[in-house]
Protein backbone atom coordinates (compact mmCIF):
# COMPACT_ATOMS: atom_id res chain seq x y z
CA MET A 1 -36.27 -64.51 106.53
CA SER A 2 -34.48 -62.42 103.89
CA MET A 3 -32.99 -63.71 100.69
CA VAL A 4 -29.88 -64.67 102.59
CA PHE A 5 -29.68 -68.42 102.86
CA ARG A 6 -28.15 -70.26 105.77
CA VAL A 7 -26.16 -73.41 105.28
CA GLN A 8 -25.92 -75.44 108.44
CA GLN A 9 -23.48 -78.29 108.86
CA LEU A 10 -25.04 -80.99 111.03
CA ALA A 11 -23.12 -82.91 113.63
CA VAL A 12 -24.53 -86.26 112.61
CA SER A 13 -22.78 -86.77 110.02
CA ALA A 14 -34.66 -102.85 84.45
CA SER A 15 -35.14 -106.55 83.37
CA LEU A 16 -37.99 -107.55 81.05
CA LEU A 17 -40.09 -104.66 79.72
CA PHE A 18 -43.66 -104.40 80.92
CA LEU A 19 -46.55 -103.64 78.61
CA LEU A 20 -47.65 -100.06 79.09
CA THR A 21 -51.14 -101.00 80.14
CA ALA A 22 -49.87 -103.57 82.60
CA CYS A 23 -47.64 -101.05 84.36
CA GLY A 24 -50.05 -98.15 84.38
CA GLY A 25 -47.81 -96.17 82.04
CA GLY A 26 -48.56 -93.93 79.14
CA SER A 27 -47.82 -93.51 75.49
CA GLY A 28 -44.59 -92.33 73.94
CA GLY A 29 -43.82 -89.40 71.72
CA ASP A 30 -45.22 -90.58 68.38
CA GLY A 31 -48.42 -88.69 67.60
CA ASN A 32 -48.41 -87.13 71.05
CA THR A 33 -46.75 -83.76 70.54
CA ASP A 34 -49.69 -81.45 71.17
CA SER A 35 -48.66 -77.85 71.76
CA VAL A 36 -49.07 -76.11 75.10
CA THR A 37 -49.29 -72.32 75.11
CA ASP A 38 -49.20 -70.08 78.17
CA THR A 39 -52.07 -67.67 78.71
CA ASP A 40 -49.96 -64.69 77.61
CA GLY A 41 -49.01 -66.46 74.40
CA LYS A 42 -45.30 -65.95 74.95
CA ILE A 43 -44.29 -69.41 76.11
CA LYS A 44 -45.13 -72.34 73.87
CA GLY A 45 -44.21 -75.95 74.54
CA LYS A 46 -45.35 -79.42 73.64
CA THR A 47 -46.31 -82.69 75.27
CA ILE A 48 -43.79 -85.37 74.34
CA ALA A 49 -45.10 -88.24 76.52
CA SER A 50 -48.05 -89.29 78.64
CA ILE A 51 -47.11 -91.06 81.88
CA VAL A 52 -49.60 -91.57 84.68
CA GLU A 53 -48.63 -89.52 87.75
CA ALA A 54 -45.27 -88.45 86.31
CA SER A 55 -43.58 -87.05 89.41
CA GLY A 56 -39.88 -86.69 88.56
CA ILE A 57 -37.57 -86.37 85.56
CA CYS A 58 -33.86 -86.11 84.79
CA TYR A 59 -31.70 -85.88 81.69
CA SER A 60 -28.85 -88.34 81.13
CA ALA A 61 -26.13 -86.89 78.91
CA ALA A 62 -24.43 -90.30 78.78
CA ASN A 63 -27.53 -91.87 77.23
CA ASP A 64 -28.98 -88.72 75.62
CA ALA A 65 -32.22 -89.85 77.20
CA LEU A 66 -34.76 -88.85 79.81
CA PHE A 67 -35.56 -90.90 82.90
CA VAL A 68 -38.97 -90.40 84.52
CA VAL A 69 -40.61 -91.82 87.64
CA SER A 70 -44.26 -92.09 88.63
CA ASP A 71 -46.06 -92.34 91.96
CA LYS A 72 -46.84 -95.93 91.01
CA GLY A 73 -43.25 -97.06 91.55
CA ILE A 74 -42.32 -97.17 87.87
CA VAL A 75 -39.05 -95.97 86.35
CA TYR A 76 -39.12 -95.08 82.65
CA LYS A 77 -36.40 -94.44 80.09
CA LEU A 78 -37.45 -92.20 77.19
CA ASP A 79 -35.70 -91.10 74.04
CA MET A 80 -35.56 -87.37 73.38
CA GLN A 81 -38.77 -87.52 71.35
CA GLY A 82 -40.64 -88.99 74.33
CA ASN A 83 -40.86 -92.59 73.17
CA ILE A 84 -40.66 -95.10 76.02
CA LEU A 85 -37.59 -97.29 75.56
CA ALA A 86 -37.80 -99.23 78.82
CA GLN A 87 -39.74 -99.30 82.07
CA HIS A 88 -39.87 -101.25 85.30
CA MET A 89 -42.15 -101.26 88.32
CA HIS A 90 -40.58 -101.66 91.77
CA LYS A 91 -42.47 -103.10 94.73
CA SER A 92 -41.65 -103.81 98.34
CA ALA A 93 -41.23 -107.34 99.67
CA LYS A 94 -44.91 -107.20 100.62
CA GLY A 95 -45.90 -106.35 97.05
CA LYS A 96 -46.67 -102.67 97.66
CA LYS A 97 -45.72 -100.21 94.92
CA TYR A 98 -43.14 -97.64 95.99
CA ASP A 99 -44.18 -93.99 95.85
CA TYR A 100 -41.45 -92.60 93.59
CA GLU A 101 -41.41 -88.78 93.68
CA GLY A 102 -38.09 -87.65 92.19
CA ILE A 103 -35.20 -88.97 90.12
CA ALA A 104 -31.61 -87.85 89.48
CA CYS A 105 -29.29 -89.12 86.74
CA ASP A 106 -25.95 -90.28 88.17
CA ASP A 107 -24.14 -90.71 84.86
CA ALA A 108 -20.74 -91.03 86.53
CA ASN A 109 -21.82 -94.34 88.07
CA GLY A 110 -24.40 -95.41 85.47
CA ASN A 111 -27.28 -95.16 87.92
CA VAL A 112 -30.40 -93.18 88.71
CA ILE A 113 -31.14 -92.12 92.29
CA VAL A 114 -34.83 -92.12 93.17
CA ALA A 115 -36.51 -90.28 96.05
CA VAL A 116 -39.08 -92.51 97.77
CA GLU A 117 -41.85 -90.68 99.58
CA GLY A 118 -43.32 -92.10 102.78
CA LYS A 119 -40.28 -94.07 103.84
CA ASP A 120 -38.10 -91.12 102.79
CA ASN A 121 -35.49 -93.45 101.31
CA LEU A 122 -33.22 -93.25 98.27
CA HIS A 123 -33.25 -96.07 95.74
CA THR A 124 -30.23 -96.61 93.50
CA ILE A 125 -31.13 -98.26 90.18
CA GLU A 126 -28.95 -99.10 87.18
CA GLN A 127 -29.62 -97.06 84.05
CA SER A 128 -28.93 -100.01 81.76
CA ASN A 129 -31.19 -102.39 83.69
CA LEU A 130 -34.09 -100.61 85.34
CA SER A 131 -34.95 -103.69 87.38
CA ALA A 132 -31.54 -103.68 89.09
CA LEU A 133 -32.22 -102.06 92.47
CA TYR A 134 -29.28 -101.88 94.87
CA LYS A 135 -29.93 -103.96 98.00
CA ASN A 136 -28.08 -104.61 101.24
CA SER A 137 -27.03 -107.97 102.66
CA ALA A 138 -30.50 -108.46 104.11
CA GLY A 139 -32.07 -108.09 100.66
CA LYS A 140 -33.63 -104.69 101.40
CA PRO A 141 -33.07 -101.57 99.28
CA THR A 142 -30.20 -99.38 100.39
CA GLY A 143 -30.64 -95.69 101.10
CA ASP A 144 -32.50 -95.55 104.42
CA ILE A 145 -31.61 -91.96 105.35
CA VAL A 146 -30.33 -91.36 108.87
CA ARG A 147 -32.08 -88.23 110.10
CA PRO A 148 -30.92 -86.12 113.05
CA ASP A 149 -33.15 -84.48 115.67
CA ASN A 150 -35.23 -87.65 116.17
CA ASP A 151 -36.72 -87.16 112.69
CA THR A 152 -38.61 -84.03 113.73
CA LEU A 153 -36.78 -81.72 111.35
CA PHE A 154 -37.20 -84.02 108.38
CA LYS A 155 -40.58 -85.65 108.74
CA ASP A 156 -43.83 -84.79 110.46
CA GLU A 157 -45.44 -87.18 112.93
CA LYS A 158 -48.18 -88.23 110.49
CA GLY A 159 -45.75 -88.73 107.61
CA LYS A 160 -47.74 -86.63 105.18
CA THR A 161 -44.74 -84.75 103.86
CA GLY A 162 -41.15 -85.70 103.16
CA ILE A 163 -38.58 -85.88 100.39
CA GLU A 164 -39.64 -84.95 96.86
CA GLY A 165 -37.16 -83.38 94.44
CA ILE A 166 -33.65 -84.72 93.90
CA SER A 167 -30.67 -83.76 91.75
CA ILE A 168 -26.90 -84.32 91.54
CA LYS A 169 -24.05 -81.85 91.12
CA GLU A 170 -20.42 -82.99 91.00
CA GLY A 171 -21.27 -86.22 92.80
CA THR A 172 -23.23 -84.58 95.61
CA VAL A 173 -26.91 -85.53 95.90
CA TYR A 174 -29.31 -82.71 96.77
CA ILE A 175 -32.79 -83.56 98.10
CA SER A 176 -35.76 -81.33 98.90
CA ASN A 177 -37.80 -81.79 102.05
CA GLN A 178 -41.27 -80.70 100.93
CA SER A 179 -43.16 -78.63 103.49
CA LEU A 180 -45.32 -75.56 103.98
CA ASN A 181 -43.43 -74.74 107.18
CA GLN A 182 -40.57 -72.25 107.21
CA TYR A 183 -37.14 -73.46 108.34
CA PRO A 184 -36.27 -74.23 111.16
CA GLU A 185 -39.80 -75.15 112.24
CA LYS A 186 -40.64 -78.80 112.71
CA ASP A 187 -40.91 -80.62 109.38
CA SER A 188 -39.76 -77.50 107.55
CA SER A 189 -38.95 -76.67 103.94
CA PHE A 190 -35.29 -76.97 102.97
CA VAL A 191 -32.80 -78.81 100.74
CA PHE A 192 -30.26 -81.21 102.20
CA THR A 193 -27.39 -83.39 101.04
CA VAL A 194 -26.24 -86.84 102.12
CA ASP A 195 -22.76 -88.30 102.39
CA ASP A 196 -23.39 -91.41 100.24
CA SER A 197 -26.75 -91.93 98.54
CA SER A 198 -26.12 -95.62 97.79
CA ALA A 199 -25.05 -96.52 101.34
CA ASP A 200 -27.22 -98.72 103.51
CA ALA A 201 -27.88 -95.69 105.70
CA PRO A 202 -26.94 -92.33 104.09
CA VAL A 203 -26.20 -89.60 106.63
CA VAL A 204 -27.44 -86.02 106.26
CA ASP A 205 -24.41 -83.74 106.16
CA GLN A 206 -25.73 -80.34 105.02
CA VAL A 207 -28.95 -78.34 105.24
CA ILE A 208 -29.70 -75.43 102.90
CA ASP A 209 -32.34 -72.99 104.11
CA HIS A 210 -33.67 -71.46 100.88
CA GLY A 211 -36.59 -69.59 102.44
CA LYS A 212 -39.12 -71.06 99.99
CA LYS A 213 -42.00 -73.46 100.57
CA ASP A 214 -43.39 -76.59 98.94
CA ILE A 215 -40.35 -77.47 96.80
CA VAL A 216 -41.25 -80.50 94.67
CA GLY A 217 -38.60 -80.55 91.93
CA LEU A 218 -34.85 -79.93 91.65
CA SER A 219 -32.41 -79.73 88.75
CA PHE A 220 -29.01 -78.17 88.07
CA TYR A 221 -28.34 -76.00 85.03
CA GLN A 222 -25.41 -73.67 84.33
CA GLY A 223 -24.10 -74.41 87.82
CA ASP A 224 -27.22 -73.19 89.63
CA LEU A 225 -29.97 -75.11 91.39
CA PHE A 226 -33.45 -74.76 89.89
CA MET A 227 -36.36 -75.48 92.22
CA ILE A 228 -40.07 -75.88 91.54
CA SER A 229 -42.42 -74.49 94.18
CA ALA A 230 -45.87 -76.04 93.94
CA THR A 231 -47.35 -73.31 96.16
CA ASP A 232 -45.90 -70.45 94.11
CA HIS A 233 -46.34 -72.33 90.80
CA ALA A 234 -42.86 -71.09 89.96
CA LEU A 235 -39.42 -72.07 88.72
CA ILE A 236 -36.84 -70.63 91.12
CA ARG A 237 -33.15 -70.20 90.29
CA TYR A 238 -30.88 -70.42 93.32
CA SER A 239 -27.13 -69.88 93.55
CA LEU A 240 -25.30 -72.21 95.91
CA GLU A 241 -22.20 -70.02 95.83
CA GLN A 242 -23.66 -66.62 96.73
CA PRO A 243 -26.05 -68.02 98.22
CA LYS A 244 -29.38 -66.47 97.20
CA VAL A 245 -32.35 -66.67 94.86
CA LEU A 246 -31.37 -65.25 91.47
CA SER A 247 -34.75 -65.30 89.73
CA THR A 248 -38.32 -66.54 89.94
CA LYS A 249 -40.32 -67.43 86.83
CA MET A 250 -43.98 -68.44 86.82
CA LEU A 251 -44.67 -71.83 85.25
CA PRO A 252 -46.82 -71.97 82.13
CA SER A 253 -50.53 -72.00 82.82
CA GLY A 254 -51.94 -75.50 83.26
CA VAL A 255 -48.57 -77.13 83.95
CA ASP A 256 -48.60 -78.69 87.44
CA ALA A 257 -44.95 -79.64 87.46
CA GLU A 258 -43.39 -81.87 90.12
CA GLY A 259 -40.17 -82.52 88.22
CA VAL A 260 -37.82 -80.45 86.07
CA ALA A 261 -34.82 -81.25 83.86
CA PHE A 262 -32.58 -79.56 81.29
CA ASP A 263 -30.90 -81.18 78.27
CA ASN A 264 -27.82 -80.06 76.34
CA ALA A 265 -29.82 -78.68 73.42
CA GLY A 266 -31.48 -75.72 75.12
CA ASN A 267 -34.65 -77.47 76.27
CA ILE A 268 -36.36 -77.66 79.64
CA TYR A 269 -38.70 -80.50 80.62
CA PHE A 270 -41.48 -80.71 83.21
CA ALA A 271 -43.04 -83.84 84.67
CA ASP A 272 -46.71 -83.18 85.48
CA ASP A 273 -48.10 -85.43 88.21
CA LYS A 274 -51.67 -84.15 87.91
CA ASN A 275 -52.07 -84.30 84.13
CA GLY A 276 -49.74 -87.24 83.56
CA LYS A 277 -47.68 -85.43 80.93
CA VAL A 278 -44.04 -84.75 80.12
CA TYR A 279 -43.69 -81.26 78.62
CA GLN A 280 -40.83 -79.77 76.60
CA TYR A 281 -40.14 -76.03 76.38
CA LYS A 282 -37.26 -73.84 75.22
CA VAL A 283 -34.96 -72.65 77.99
CA ALA A 284 -34.73 -69.25 76.29
CA ASP A 285 -38.45 -68.68 76.82
CA PHE A 286 -37.81 -68.64 80.58
CA ASN A 287 -35.14 -65.92 80.23
CA ILE A 288 -32.44 -68.27 81.46
CA ASN A 289 -29.14 -67.08 80.01
């Protein structure tokens, strides 16, 4: 389709710290700020932390801190130099580690919202206590998303794809459905919102057809939604208001980002699942005004 985006309204409406080696985590920022330069030499960044399978990141203005998740079900809190301040691993009742793929900082409520791949659920966790996972009366985590169309629009039959990136703007939670299929094909690529992310069963209430594929990371900056496409290896700026893609910027060479975040000091951060790194760059180097 063209650059015109369609928005479709749907009818259906951290306790004790673990040792880093015990939790499969990485090292903090001290002594770990190696520089990363793009192949054209114009974009230079640095590694501020090493976290195994870092798959999502968000910036908390309330804490002036970064929160990162890994595929191993661990939530981390980092200071702005990349030092790990706290971490906690979450497992199911059967002892299986959750596959955490994205994280959004909900400063208004003092929580982080985590996108769980596989089950395609949202976990709500307290920022001040990373072990405090919201649960329903049955003792199970809240956030089991109610999907319309018998799940076919949101999840393929084999469950190989699903939710990945997540971000919050003015209280609304935006989530990416990762796929190589164009909307509105079965299990297609789009962003959607839910009515209440911390509810026992959040209901999908909006679908945004952005026309891009393989979106793995989301973050808001200057009022616009920034998306990472793993297929295009690009950072895409999208206007919700217009709605359309405003710009596309290739990611630095060697950075396999699955998460993106912006702070209030002109920096952009990438969580690299493949290399297990958290990178820091200058926003200005990406021509973001």
